[in-house]
Amino acid sequence: MKKIGIISDTHTYLTDEIYKFYKDVDEIWHAGDIGNIETANKLADFKPFRAVYGNIDGSDIRNIHPENQRFMIEGLDVWMTHIGGYPGKYDMRVKPQIFQKPPNIFISGHSHILKVLFDKKLNLLHINPGAFGISGFHQVRTAVRLVLDNTNIKDLEVLELPKYKKTK
């Protein structure tokens, strides 16, 4: 059994809430637009860390983290990329591979919109954790955590925070 935290589009922005939300996870997965290597290192120093680079990430991140990660964990085939689309509208870059050999879990970021959808046609769970950073049009910052247990995906929870903290 593994507890996983999934985050995307931090754009260099982390707050204490994410460390509290992920305090009991076994790994953190970042679906791109990390922002800078310092942000990646902070998360990697906190928990085991897997990440892909996003369209805003520079060579410091691209030299360490790939465009795609596909791996097995708890008997599940996981594919993580930044720009991947979602069921019915997969990005052309990934669409042929998804249809040829669908993963069990497909994770992408980029849209800044939280989406958890089951693709019945491909029998896969799509997760976009939304955006945790404050750059972009979204009004709510989001992150996801879930449990992977011997091919079962369960106990998915979402952290929702206002985009900006209110000041007095």
C-alpha atoms as a PDB file:
ATOM      1  CA  MET A   1       0.000   0.000   0.000  1.00  0.00           C
ATOM      2  CA  LYS A   2       1.279   3.447  -0.960  1.00  0.00           C
ATOM      3  CA  LYS A   3      -0.137   6.864  -0.145  1.00  0.00           C
ATOM      4  CA  ILE A   4       0.501   9.294  -2.983  1.00  0.00           C
ATOM      5  CA  GLY A   5       0.307  13.087  -3.216  1.00  0.00           C
ATOM      6  CA  ILE A   6      -0.292  14.521  -6.683  1.00  0.00           C
ATOM      7  CA  ILE A   7       0.333  18.176  -7.457  1.00  0.00           C
ATOM      8  CA  SER A   8       0.838  20.338 -10.537  1.00  0.00           C
ATOM      9  CA  ASP A   9       1.393  23.889 -11.700  1.00  0.00           C
ATOM     10  CA  THR A  10       3.068  25.199  -8.574  1.00  0.00           C
ATOM     11  CA  HIS A  11       4.933  27.845 -10.591  1.00  0.00           C
ATOM     12  CA  THR A  12       7.440  28.107  -7.656  1.00  0.00           C
ATOM     13  CA  TYR A  13       4.654  28.563  -5.077  1.00  0.00           C
ATOM     14  CA  LEU A  14       4.438  26.270  -2.049  1.00  0.00           C
ATOM     15  CA  THR A  15       2.801  26.923   1.311  1.00  0.00           C
ATOM     16  CA  ASP A  16       2.679  25.102   4.637  1.00  0.00           C
ATOM     17  CA  GLU A  17      -0.728  23.634   3.785  1.00  0.00           C
ATOM     18  CA  ILE A  18       0.784  21.304   1.191  1.00  0.00           C
ATOM     19  CA  TYR A  19       3.269  19.894   3.692  1.00  0.00           C
ATOM     20  CA  LYS A  20       0.438  19.272   6.166  1.00  0.00           C
ATOM     21  CA  PHE A  21      -1.729  17.653   3.492  1.00  0.00           C
ATOM     22  CA  TYR A  22       1.163  15.418   2.381  1.00  0.00           C
ATOM     23  CA  LYS A  23       2.623  14.641   5.816  1.00  0.00           C
ATOM     24  CA  ASP A  24       1.556  10.967   5.668  1.00  0.00           C
ATOM     25  CA  VAL A  25       2.135  10.263   1.967  1.00  0.00           C
ATOM     26  CA  ASP A  26       4.844   7.889   0.788  1.00  0.00           C
ATOM     27  CA  GLU A  27       5.567   9.777  -2.444  1.00  0.00           C
ATOM     28  CA  ILE A  28       4.796  13.106  -4.128  1.00  0.00           C
ATOM     29  CA  TRP A  29       4.186  13.212  -7.881  1.00  0.00           C
ATOM     30  CA  HIS A  30       4.395  16.566  -9.678  1.00  0.00           C
ATOM     31  CA  ALA A  31       2.731  16.849 -13.099  1.00  0.00           C
ATOM     32  CA  GLY A  32       4.827  19.770 -14.349  1.00  0.00           C
ATOM     33  CA  ASP A  33       5.191  23.537 -14.286  1.00  0.00           C
ATOM     34  CA  ILE A  34       7.224  23.215 -11.118  1.00  0.00           C
ATOM     35  CA  GLY A  35       8.700  26.662 -11.682  1.00  0.00           C
ATOM     36  CA  ASN A  36      12.274  26.265 -10.516  1.00  0.00           C
ATOM     37  CA  ILE A  37      14.675  23.648  -9.218  1.00  0.00           C
ATOM     38  CA  GLU A  38      14.418  24.998  -5.658  1.00  0.00           C
ATOM     39  CA  THR A  39      10.714  24.134  -5.568  1.00  0.00           C
ATOM     40  CA  ALA A  40      11.430  20.622  -6.852  1.00  0.00           C
ATOM     41  CA  ASN A  41      14.200  20.198  -4.284  1.00  0.00           C
ATOM     42  CA  LYS A  42      11.968  21.323  -1.408  1.00  0.00           C
ATOM     43  CA  LEU A  43       9.415  18.663  -2.290  1.00  0.00           C
ATOM     44  CA  ALA A  44      12.117  16.032  -2.903  1.00  0.00           C
ATOM     45  CA  ASP A  45      13.699  16.815   0.479  1.00  0.00           C
ATOM     46  CA  PHE A  46      10.291  16.321   2.124  1.00  0.00           C
ATOM     47  CA  LYS A  47       9.225  13.018   0.491  1.00  0.00           C
ATOM     48  CA  PRO A  48      10.324  10.695  -2.320  1.00  0.00           C
ATOM     49  CA  PHE A  49       9.555  12.688  -5.462  1.00  0.00           C
ATOM     50  CA  ARG A  50       8.665  11.939  -9.083  1.00  0.00           C
ATOM     51  CA  ALA A  51       8.099  14.755 -11.548  1.00  0.00           C
ATOM     52  CA  VAL A  52       7.806  15.695 -15.183  1.00  0.00           C
ATOM     53  CA  TYR A  53       8.674  19.047 -16.648  1.00  0.00           C
ATOM     54  CA  GLY A  54       6.039  21.479 -17.856  1.00  0.00           C
ATOM     55  CA  ASN A  55       6.000  24.112 -20.557  1.00  0.00           C
ATOM     56  CA  ILE A  56       7.247  26.885 -18.220  1.00  0.00           C
ATOM     57  CA  ASP A  57      10.067  24.818 -16.725  1.00  0.00           C
ATOM     58  CA  GLY A  58      13.610  25.704 -17.713  1.00  0.00           C
ATOM     59  CA  SER A  59      16.648  23.585 -18.410  1.00  0.00           C
ATOM     60  CA  ASP A  60      17.429  23.210 -14.687  1.00  0.00           C
ATOM     61  CA  ILE A  61      14.270  21.102 -14.302  1.00  0.00           C
ATOM     62  CA  ARG A  62      14.296  19.569 -17.794  1.00  0.00           C
ATOM     63  CA  ASN A  63      17.807  18.199 -17.206  1.00  0.00           C
ATOM     64  CA  ILE A  64      16.558  16.225 -14.193  1.00  0.00           C
ATOM     65  CA  HIS A  65      12.887  15.479 -14.808  1.00  0.00           C
ATOM     66  CA  PRO A  66      11.617  13.979 -18.092  1.00  0.00           C
ATOM     67  CA  GLU A  67       8.693  15.059 -20.273  1.00  0.00           C
ATOM     68  CA  ASN A  68       6.898  11.777 -19.483  1.00  0.00           C
ATOM     69  CA  GLN A  69       7.183   9.230 -16.724  1.00  0.00           C
ATOM     70  CA  ARG A  70       5.646   5.810 -17.059  1.00  0.00           C
ATOM     71  CA  PHE A  71       6.138   3.395 -14.205  1.00  0.00           C
ATOM     72  CA  MET A  72       4.599   0.538 -12.248  1.00  0.00           C
ATOM     73  CA  ILE A  73       3.569   0.903  -8.618  1.00  0.00           C
ATOM     74  CA  GLU A  74       1.338  -1.386  -6.545  1.00  0.00           C
ATOM     75  CA  GLY A  75       0.596  -3.384  -9.697  1.00  0.00           C
ATOM     76  CA  LEU A  76      -0.666  -0.292 -11.539  1.00  0.00           C
ATOM     77  CA  ASP A  77       0.698   1.211 -14.749  1.00  0.00           C
ATOM     78  CA  VAL A  78       0.985   4.983 -14.258  1.00  0.00           C
ATOM     79  CA  TRP A  79       1.746   7.566 -16.941  1.00  0.00           C
ATOM     80  CA  MET A  80       2.428  11.162 -15.951  1.00  0.00           C
ATOM     81  CA  THR A  81       2.978  14.068 -18.331  1.00  0.00           C
ATOM     82  CA  HIS A  82       2.270  17.794 -18.225  1.00  0.00           C
ATOM     83  CA  ILE A  83       0.224  18.415 -21.370  1.00  0.00           C
ATOM     84  CA  GLY A  84      -1.900  15.331 -21.858  1.00  0.00           C
ATOM     85  CA  GLY A  85      -5.490  16.399 -22.239  1.00  0.00           C
ATOM     86  CA  TYR A  86      -8.292  14.300 -20.782  1.00  0.00           C
ATOM     87  CA  PRO A  87     -10.784  11.602 -21.822  1.00  0.00           C
ATOM     88  CA  GLY A  88     -12.318  12.495 -25.151  1.00  0.00           C
ATOM     89  CA  LYS A  89      -9.724  15.232 -25.735  1.00  0.00           C
ATOM     90  CA  TYR A  90      -6.291  13.679 -25.284  1.00  0.00           C
ATOM     91  CA  ASP A  91      -3.392  15.735 -26.599  1.00  0.00           C
ATOM     92  CA  MET A  92      -2.163  14.618 -30.026  1.00  0.00           C
ATOM     93  CA  ARG A  93       1.328  14.039 -28.584  1.00  0.00           C
ATOM     94  CA  VAL A  94       0.073  11.263 -26.277  1.00  0.00           C
ATOM     95  CA  LYS A  95      -3.102  10.048 -27.971  1.00  0.00           C
ATOM     96  CA  PRO A  96      -1.573   7.263 -30.125  1.00  0.00           C
ATOM     97  CA  GLN A  97       0.300   5.759 -27.167  1.00  0.00           C
ATOM     98  CA  ILE A  98      -2.702   5.970 -24.827  1.00  0.00           C
ATOM     99  CA  PHE A  99      -4.911   4.141 -27.313  1.00  0.00           C
ATOM    100  CA  GLN A 100      -2.241   1.568 -28.158  1.00  0.00           C
ATOM    101  CA  LYS A 101      -1.390   0.709 -24.542  1.00  0.00           C
ATOM    102  CA  PRO A 102      -3.577   2.492 -21.988  1.00  0.00           C
ATOM    103  CA  PRO A 103      -2.130   2.939 -18.497  1.00  0.00           C
ATOM    104  CA  ASN A 104      -4.280   2.322 -15.420  1.00  0.00           C
ATOM    105  CA  ILE A 105      -3.745   5.912 -14.267  1.00  0.00           C
ATOM    106  CA  PHE A 106      -3.051   8.867 -16.558  1.00  0.00           C
ATOM    107  CA  ILE A 107      -1.918  12.062 -14.817  1.00  0.00           C
ATOM    108  CA  SER A 108      -1.524  15.447 -16.461  1.00  0.00           C
ATOM    109  CA  GLY A 109      -1.458  19.086 -15.442  1.00  0.00           C
ATOM    110  CA  HIS A 110      -1.362  22.281 -17.501  1.00  0.00           C
ATOM    111  CA  SER A 111      -5.069  23.211 -17.554  1.00  0.00           C
ATOM    112  CA  HIS A 112      -5.119  24.474 -13.937  1.00  0.00           C
ATOM    113  CA  ILE A 113      -8.491  22.711 -13.688  1.00  0.00           C
ATOM    114  CA  LEU A 114      -8.963  19.874 -11.209  1.00  0.00           C
ATOM    115  CA  LYS A 115     -10.369  16.831 -13.011  1.00  0.00           C
ATOM    116  CA  VAL A 116     -10.741  13.246 -11.897  1.00  0.00           C
ATOM    117  CA  LEU A 117     -12.457  11.271 -14.657  1.00  0.00           C
ATOM    118  CA  PHE A 118     -12.773   7.612 -15.457  1.00  0.00           C
ATOM    119  CA  ASP A 119     -12.308   6.859 -19.140  1.00  0.00           C
ATOM    120  CA  LYS A 120     -14.658   3.911 -19.743  1.00  0.00           C
ATOM    121  CA  LYS A 121     -13.432   3.464 -23.310  1.00  0.00           C
ATOM    122  CA  LEU A 122      -9.806   2.951 -22.229  1.00  0.00           C
ATOM    123  CA  ASN A 123     -10.494   1.684 -18.698  1.00  0.00           C
ATOM    124  CA  LEU A 124      -8.186   4.237 -17.093  1.00  0.00           C
ATOM    125  CA  LEU A 125      -8.423   6.850 -14.364  1.00  0.00           C
ATOM    126  CA  HIS A 126      -7.444  10.340 -15.477  1.00  0.00           C
ATOM    127  CA  ILE A 127      -6.246  12.750 -12.787  1.00  0.00           C
ATOM    128  CA  ASN A 128      -5.403  16.407 -13.239  1.00  0.00           C
ATOM    129  CA  PRO A 129      -4.699  17.824  -9.766  1.00  0.00           C
ATOM    130  CA  GLY A 130      -5.404  21.391 -10.919  1.00  0.00           C
ATOM    131  CA  ALA A 131      -2.968  24.118  -9.907  1.00  0.00           C
ATOM    132  CA  PHE A 132      -1.417  24.716  -6.513  1.00  0.00           C
ATOM    133  CA  GLY A 133       0.397  27.914  -7.476  1.00  0.00           C
ATOM    134  CA  ILE A 134      -1.040  31.407  -7.749  1.00  0.00           C
ATOM    135  CA  SER A 135      -0.102  32.043 -11.398  1.00  0.00           C
ATOM    136  CA  GLY A 136      -2.977  31.557 -13.817  1.00  0.00           C
ATOM    137  CA  PHE A 137      -6.703  32.086 -14.153  1.00  0.00           C
ATOM    138  CA  HIS A 138      -7.870  29.549 -11.545  1.00  0.00           C
ATOM    139  CA  GLN A 139      -9.472  30.882  -8.369  1.00  0.00           C
ATOM    140  CA  VAL A 140      -8.912  27.842  -6.154  1.00  0.00           C
ATOM    141  CA  ARG A 141      -5.583  26.118  -5.496  1.00  0.00           C
ATOM    142  CA  THR A 142      -5.865  22.337  -5.454  1.00  0.00           C
ATOM    143  CA  ALA A 143      -3.875  19.187  -4.765  1.00  0.00           C
ATOM    144  CA  VAL A 144      -4.796  15.512  -4.579  1.00  0.00           C
ATOM    145  CA  ARG A 145      -3.858  12.554  -2.431  1.00  0.00           C
ATOM    146  CA  LEU A 146      -4.913   8.932  -2.758  1.00  0.00           C
ATOM    147  CA  VAL A 147      -4.057   5.392  -1.777  1.00  0.00           C
ATOM    148  CA  LEU A 148      -2.802   2.697  -4.138  1.00  0.00           C
ATOM    149  CA  ASP A 149      -3.296  -0.754  -2.667  1.00  0.00           C
ATOM    150  CA  ASN A 150      -2.493  -3.828  -4.738  1.00  0.00           C
ATOM    151  CA  THR A 151      -4.094  -2.530  -7.974  1.00  0.00           C
ATOM    152  CA  ASN A 152      -6.867  -0.703  -6.087  1.00  0.00           C
ATOM    153  CA  ILE A 153      -7.130   3.086  -6.224  1.00  0.00           C
ATOM    154  CA  LYS A 154      -8.982   4.417  -3.202  1.00  0.00           C
ATOM    155  CA  ASP A 155      -9.454   7.162  -0.638  1.00  0.00           C
ATOM    156  CA  LEU A 156      -8.922  10.020  -3.090  1.00  0.00           C
ATOM    157  CA  GLU A 157      -9.022  13.390  -1.331  1.00  0.00           C
ATOM    158  CA  VAL A 158      -8.740  16.932  -2.642  1.00  0.00           C
ATOM    159  CA  LEU A 159      -7.209  19.931  -0.904  1.00  0.00           C
ATOM    160  CA  GLU A 160      -8.895  23.180  -1.937  1.00  0.00           C
ATOM    161  CA  LEU A 161      -7.498  26.526  -0.851  1.00  0.00           C
ATOM    162  CA  PRO A 162      -8.290  30.098  -1.868  1.00  0.00           C
ATOM    163  CA  LYS A 163      -5.925  31.445  -4.496  1.00  0.00           C
ATOM    164  CA  TYR A 164      -4.832  34.280  -2.236  1.00  0.00           C
ATOM    165  CA  LYS A 165      -4.714  34.430   1.517  1.00  0.00           C
ATOM    166  CA  LYS A 166      -6.916  37.123   2.951  1.00  0.00           C
ATOM    167  CA  THR A 167      -5.042  39.782   4.875  1.00  0.00           C
ATOM    168  CA  LYS A 168      -6.470  41.930   7.644  1.00  0.00           C
END
